[in-house]
């Protein structure tokens, strides 16, 4: 099993402090709503949304673990595990190549996961980036982005190459 861990100091600053601040903003907006300032309802919704995503849904995981048959995202004592044979949909949106990505996972039984992975601040983040691109290619080989370049498995010992035309035609 390979584990990729977010730098603790940066994680506290970029994720934990922002999540805590969003709770403070939501509480302030709730007080303003009670006092009759009705435009604060939007700020309340945004603050609650950010707090829930950070601490309940762990959309910014501190630790990503990959095994041959599963991937897990962990943070704040919570752990979301997805087994590869149950994953029906696995997509990555590269936001800041090769630093940040948005990962969406849907299993066959309907479980969903959405995660922001900041590889720049993770231990061996480039390896994690490459492996997630390879996994996306394994699940969705017909995507346009894979017609230009087929990602390689960073853990493979032998190199396997397949012509792009053969993959597109299948």
C-alpha atoms as a PDB file:
ATOM      1  CA  UNK A   1       0.000   0.000   0.000  1.00  0.00           C
ATOM      2  CA  UNK A   2       1.248   3.446  -0.912  1.00  0.00           C
ATOM      3  CA  UNK A   3       0.249   6.414   1.215  1.00  0.00           C
ATOM      4  CA  UNK A   4       0.516  10.054   0.205  1.00  0.00           C
ATOM      5  CA  UNK A   5       0.324  12.546   3.056  1.00  0.00           C
ATOM      6  CA  UNK A   6      -0.340  16.280   2.834  1.00  0.00           C
ATOM      7  CA  UNK A   7       2.308  18.429   4.531  1.00  0.00           C
ATOM      8  CA  UNK A   8       0.874  18.937   8.028  1.00  0.00           C
ATOM      9  CA  UNK A   9       1.743  22.619   8.448  1.00  0.00           C
ATOM     10  CA  UNK A  10       0.337  23.595   5.050  1.00  0.00           C
ATOM     11  CA  UNK A  11      -2.747  21.385   5.544  1.00  0.00           C
ATOM     12  CA  UNK A  12      -3.562  23.175   8.789  1.00  0.00           C
ATOM     13  CA  UNK A  13      -3.232  26.562   7.099  1.00  0.00           C
ATOM     14  CA  UNK A  14      -4.931  25.831   3.755  1.00  0.00           C
ATOM     15  CA  UNK A  15      -7.681  23.455   4.873  1.00  0.00           C
ATOM     16  CA  UNK A  16      -8.294  23.430   8.631  1.00  0.00           C
ATOM     17  CA  UNK A  17      -8.074  27.187   9.221  1.00  0.00           C
ATOM     18  CA  UNK A  18     -10.237  27.927   6.165  1.00  0.00           C
ATOM     19  CA  UNK A  19     -12.841  25.376   7.314  1.00  0.00           C
ATOM     20  CA  UNK A  20     -12.883  26.855  10.826  1.00  0.00           C
ATOM     21  CA  UNK A  21     -13.118  30.383   9.465  1.00  0.00           C
ATOM     22  CA  UNK A  22     -16.078  29.348   7.318  1.00  0.00           C
ATOM     23  CA  UNK A  23     -17.900  28.220  10.475  1.00  0.00           C
ATOM     24  CA  UNK A  24     -17.197  31.602  12.068  1.00  0.00           C
ATOM     25  CA  UNK A  25     -18.509  33.367   8.931  1.00  0.00           C
ATOM     26  CA  UNK A  26     -21.641  31.184   8.951  1.00  0.00           C
ATOM     27  CA  UNK A  27     -22.320  31.984  12.623  1.00  0.00           C
ATOM     28  CA  UNK A  28     -21.806  35.704  11.998  1.00  0.00           C
ATOM     29  CA  UNK A  29     -24.198  35.559   9.025  1.00  0.00           C
ATOM     30  CA  UNK A  30     -26.790  33.722  11.158  1.00  0.00           C
ATOM     31  CA  UNK A  31     -26.614  36.465  13.791  1.00  0.00           C
ATOM     32  CA  UNK A  32     -27.005  39.142  11.091  1.00  0.00           C
ATOM     33  CA  UNK A  33     -30.031  37.273   9.701  1.00  0.00           C
ATOM     34  CA  UNK A  34     -31.621  37.254  13.139  1.00  0.00           C
ATOM     35  CA  UNK A  35     -30.996  41.012  13.379  1.00  0.00           C
ATOM     36  CA  UNK A  36     -32.840  41.568  10.102  1.00  0.00           C
ATOM     37  CA  UNK A  37     -30.002  41.754   7.574  1.00  0.00           C
ATOM     38  CA  UNK A  38     -31.571  39.384   5.030  1.00  0.00           C
ATOM     39  CA  UNK A  39     -28.802  39.546   2.435  1.00  0.00           C
ATOM     40  CA  UNK A  40     -26.604  37.521   4.786  1.00  0.00           C
ATOM     41  CA  UNK A  41     -28.491  34.321   3.911  1.00  0.00           C
ATOM     42  CA  UNK A  42     -26.134  33.792   0.954  1.00  0.00           C
ATOM     43  CA  UNK A  43     -23.058  34.122   3.161  1.00  0.00           C
ATOM     44  CA  UNK A  44     -24.654  31.702   5.626  1.00  0.00           C
ATOM     45  CA  UNK A  45     -25.160  29.101   2.885  1.00  0.00           C
ATOM     46  CA  UNK A  46     -21.589  29.469   1.580  1.00  0.00           C
ATOM     47  CA  UNK A  47     -20.115  29.239   5.087  1.00  0.00           C
ATOM     48  CA  UNK A  48     -22.093  26.117   5.957  1.00  0.00           C
ATOM     49  CA  UNK A  49     -21.269  24.538   2.586  1.00  0.00           C
ATOM     50  CA  UNK A  50     -17.529  25.090   3.061  1.00  0.00           C
ATOM     51  CA  UNK A  51     -17.601  23.807   6.649  1.00  0.00           C
ATOM     52  CA  UNK A  52     -19.529  20.645   5.709  1.00  0.00           C
ATOM     53  CA  UNK A  53     -17.259  19.927   2.727  1.00  0.00           C
ATOM     54  CA  UNK A  54     -14.144  20.355   4.846  1.00  0.00           C
ATOM     55  CA  UNK A  55     -15.031  18.494   8.036  1.00  0.00           C
ATOM     56  CA  UNK A  56     -17.879  16.118   7.167  1.00  0.00           C
ATOM     57  CA  UNK A  57     -17.385  15.086   3.532  1.00  0.00           C
ATOM     58  CA  UNK A  58     -13.559  15.446   3.738  1.00  0.00           C
ATOM     59  CA  UNK A  59     -13.399  16.908   0.250  1.00  0.00           C
ATOM     60  CA  UNK A  60      -9.781  17.956   0.957  1.00  0.00           C
ATOM     61  CA  UNK A  61      -8.159  14.758   2.252  1.00  0.00           C
ATOM     62  CA  UNK A  62      -4.966  14.855   4.243  1.00  0.00           C
ATOM     63  CA  UNK A  63      -4.021  11.314   3.304  1.00  0.00           C
ATOM     64  CA  UNK A  64      -4.571   9.271   0.140  1.00  0.00           C
ATOM     65  CA  UNK A  65      -3.802   5.552   0.292  1.00  0.00           C
ATOM     66  CA  UNK A  66      -3.680   3.335  -2.761  1.00  0.00           C
ATOM     67  CA  UNK A  67      -3.609  -0.432  -2.758  1.00  0.00           C
ATOM     68  CA  UNK A  68      -3.946  -2.820  -5.658  1.00  0.00           C
ATOM     69  CA  UNK A  69      -7.708  -3.120  -5.214  1.00  0.00           C
ATOM     70  CA  UNK A  70      -8.746   0.085  -3.446  1.00  0.00           C
ATOM     71  CA  UNK A  71      -8.150   3.765  -2.812  1.00  0.00           C
ATOM     72  CA  UNK A  72      -8.914   5.578   0.436  1.00  0.00           C
ATOM     73  CA  UNK A  73      -9.182   9.245   1.318  1.00  0.00           C
ATOM     74  CA  UNK A  74      -8.673  10.180   4.979  1.00  0.00           C
ATOM     75  CA  UNK A  75      -8.911  13.310   7.053  1.00  0.00           C
ATOM     76  CA  UNK A  76     -10.087  14.379  10.530  1.00  0.00           C
ATOM     77  CA  UNK A  77     -10.562  10.764  11.679  1.00  0.00           C
ATOM     78  CA  UNK A  78     -12.797   9.841   8.731  1.00  0.00           C
ATOM     79  CA  UNK A  79     -11.876   7.391   6.016  1.00  0.00           C
ATOM     80  CA  UNK A  80     -13.653   6.895   2.670  1.00  0.00           C
ATOM     81  CA  UNK A  81     -12.655   3.665   0.944  1.00  0.00           C
ATOM     82  CA  UNK A  82     -13.462   2.788  -2.666  1.00  0.00           C
ATOM     83  CA  UNK A  83     -12.709  -0.686  -4.054  1.00  0.00           C
ATOM     84  CA  UNK A  84     -11.706  -0.587  -7.731  1.00  0.00           C
ATOM     85  CA  UNK A  85     -14.010  -3.431  -8.748  1.00  0.00           C
ATOM     86  CA  UNK A  86     -16.976  -1.411  -7.421  1.00  0.00           C
ATOM     87  CA  UNK A  87     -15.977   1.885  -9.075  1.00  0.00           C
ATOM     88  CA  UNK A  88     -18.142   2.664 -12.077  1.00  0.00           C
ATOM     89  CA  UNK A  89     -17.054   6.257 -12.757  1.00  0.00           C
ATOM     90  CA  UNK A  90     -13.622   7.762 -12.096  1.00  0.00           C
ATOM     91  CA  UNK A  91     -12.822  11.179 -13.541  1.00  0.00           C
ATOM     92  CA  UNK A  92     -10.108  13.707 -12.917  1.00  0.00           C
ATOM     93  CA  UNK A  93     -10.208  17.363 -13.752  1.00  0.00           C
ATOM     94  CA  UNK A  94      -6.713  18.781 -13.882  1.00  0.00           C
ATOM     95  CA  UNK A  95      -6.885  22.260 -12.405  1.00  0.00           C
ATOM     96  CA  UNK A  96      -3.264  23.293 -12.002  1.00  0.00           C
ATOM     97  CA  UNK A  97      -1.163  20.734 -13.864  1.00  0.00           C
ATOM     98  CA  UNK A  98       0.622  18.898 -12.156  1.00  0.00           C
ATOM     99  CA  UNK A  99      -0.250  20.424  -8.810  1.00  0.00           C
ATOM    100  CA  UNK A 100      -3.994  20.221  -8.180  1.00  0.00           C
ATOM    101  CA  UNK A 101      -6.771  17.935  -9.367  1.00  0.00           C
ATOM    102  CA  UNK A 102     -10.454  17.366  -8.712  1.00  0.00           C
ATOM    103  CA  UNK A 103     -11.321  13.661  -8.438  1.00  0.00           C
ATOM    104  CA  UNK A 104     -14.880  12.349  -8.824  1.00  0.00           C
ATOM    105  CA  UNK A 105     -15.734   8.733  -7.995  1.00  0.00           C
ATOM    106  CA  UNK A 106     -19.072   6.924  -8.261  1.00  0.00           C
ATOM    107  CA  UNK A 107     -19.482   3.278  -7.304  1.00  0.00           C
ATOM    108  CA  UNK A 108     -21.941   0.764  -8.729  1.00  0.00           C
ATOM    109  CA  UNK A 109     -24.086   1.000  -5.582  1.00  0.00           C
ATOM    110  CA  UNK A 110     -24.369   4.796  -5.896  1.00  0.00           C
ATOM    111  CA  UNK A 111     -21.758   5.986  -3.376  1.00  0.00           C
ATOM    112  CA  UNK A 112     -20.081   9.187  -4.505  1.00  0.00           C
ATOM    113  CA  UNK A 113     -16.895  10.953  -3.623  1.00  0.00           C
ATOM    114  CA  UNK A 114     -15.532  14.338  -4.686  1.00  0.00           C
ATOM    115  CA  UNK A 115     -12.022  15.268  -3.631  1.00  0.00           C
ATOM    116  CA  UNK A 116      -9.601  18.095  -4.196  1.00  0.00           C
ATOM    117  CA  UNK A 117      -6.108  16.609  -4.273  1.00  0.00           C
ATOM    118  CA  UNK A 118      -3.309  19.141  -3.983  1.00  0.00           C
ATOM    119  CA  UNK A 119      -0.340  17.069  -5.167  1.00  0.00           C
ATOM    120  CA  UNK A 120       2.049  19.995  -4.834  1.00  0.00           C
ATOM    121  CA  UNK A 121       1.973  19.749  -1.044  1.00  0.00           C
ATOM    122  CA  UNK A 122       1.809  15.956  -0.795  1.00  0.00           C
ATOM    123  CA  UNK A 123       4.668  13.595  -0.242  1.00  0.00           C
ATOM    124  CA  UNK A 124       5.491  12.025  -3.662  1.00  0.00           C
ATOM    125  CA  UNK A 125       2.737  14.116  -5.235  1.00  0.00           C
ATOM    126  CA  UNK A 126       4.011  13.679  -8.805  1.00  0.00           C
ATOM    127  CA  UNK A 127       3.735   9.903  -8.443  1.00  0.00           C
ATOM    128  CA  UNK A 128       0.170  10.266  -7.136  1.00  0.00           C
ATOM    129  CA  UNK A 129      -0.693  12.562 -10.070  1.00  0.00           C
ATOM    130  CA  UNK A 130       0.661  10.067 -12.596  1.00  0.00           C
ATOM    131  CA  UNK A 131      -1.075   7.115 -10.971  1.00  0.00           C
ATOM    132  CA  UNK A 132      -4.483   8.820 -10.849  1.00  0.00           C
ATOM    133  CA  UNK A 133      -4.149   9.728 -14.536  1.00  0.00           C
ATOM    134  CA  UNK A 134      -3.330   6.086 -15.265  1.00  0.00           C
ATOM    135  CA  UNK A 135      -6.356   4.909 -13.255  1.00  0.00           C
ATOM    136  CA  UNK A 136      -8.611   7.321 -15.118  1.00  0.00           C
ATOM    137  CA  UNK A 137      -7.260   5.952 -18.385  1.00  0.00           C
ATOM    138  CA  UNK A 138      -7.991   2.400 -17.191  1.00  0.00           C
ATOM    139  CA  UNK A 139     -11.627   3.292 -16.418  1.00  0.00           C
ATOM    140  CA  UNK A 140     -12.331   5.726 -19.289  1.00  0.00           C
ATOM    141  CA  UNK A 141      -9.836   5.061 -22.137  1.00  0.00           C
ATOM    142  CA  UNK A 142     -11.916   6.764 -24.836  1.00  0.00           C
ATOM    143  CA  UNK A 143     -11.560  10.305 -23.478  1.00  0.00           C
ATOM    144  CA  UNK A 144     -10.211  12.970 -25.785  1.00  0.00           C
ATOM    145  CA  UNK A 145      -7.307  13.834 -23.493  1.00  0.00           C
ATOM    146  CA  UNK A 146      -5.917  10.309 -23.869  1.00  0.00           C
ATOM    147  CA  UNK A 147      -5.774  10.480 -27.653  1.00  0.00           C
ATOM    148  CA  UNK A 148      -2.689  12.678 -27.463  1.00  0.00           C
ATOM    149  CA  UNK A 149      -0.838  10.798 -24.730  1.00  0.00           C
ATOM    150  CA  UNK A 150      -1.478   7.523 -22.955  1.00  0.00           C
ATOM    151  CA  UNK A 151      -0.434   7.683 -19.288  1.00  0.00           C
ATOM    152  CA  UNK A 152       1.881   4.996 -17.958  1.00  0.00           C
ATOM    153  CA  UNK A 153       1.517   3.192 -14.666  1.00  0.00           C
ATOM    154  CA  UNK A 154       4.254   4.680 -12.448  1.00  0.00           C
ATOM    155  CA  UNK A 155       4.424   1.400 -10.485  1.00  0.00           C
ATOM    156  CA  UNK A 156       4.746  -0.945 -13.491  1.00  0.00           C
ATOM    157  CA  UNK A 157       8.045  -2.717 -13.982  1.00  0.00           C
ATOM    158  CA  UNK A 158       7.675  -3.271 -17.724  1.00  0.00           C
ATOM    159  CA  UNK A 159       6.588  -0.703 -20.247  1.00  0.00           C
ATOM    160  CA  UNK A 160       3.526  -1.543 -22.319  1.00  0.00           C
ATOM    161  CA  UNK A 161       2.620   0.627 -25.253  1.00  0.00           C
ATOM    162  CA  UNK A 162      -0.543   0.420 -27.286  1.00  0.00           C
ATOM    163  CA  UNK A 163      -1.320   2.452 -30.383  1.00  0.00           C
ATOM    164  CA  UNK A 164      -3.802   5.256 -29.811  1.00  0.00           C
ATOM    165  CA  UNK A 165      -5.915   4.178 -32.807  1.00  0.00           C
ATOM    166  CA  UNK A 166      -6.508   0.741 -31.324  1.00  0.00           C
ATOM    167  CA  UNK A 167      -7.847   2.240 -28.117  1.00  0.00           C
ATOM    168  CA  UNK A 168     -10.116   4.766 -29.831  1.00  0.00           C
ATOM    169  CA  UNK A 169     -11.714   2.157 -32.112  1.00  0.00           C
ATOM    170  CA  UNK A 170     -12.742  -0.170 -29.260  1.00  0.00           C
END
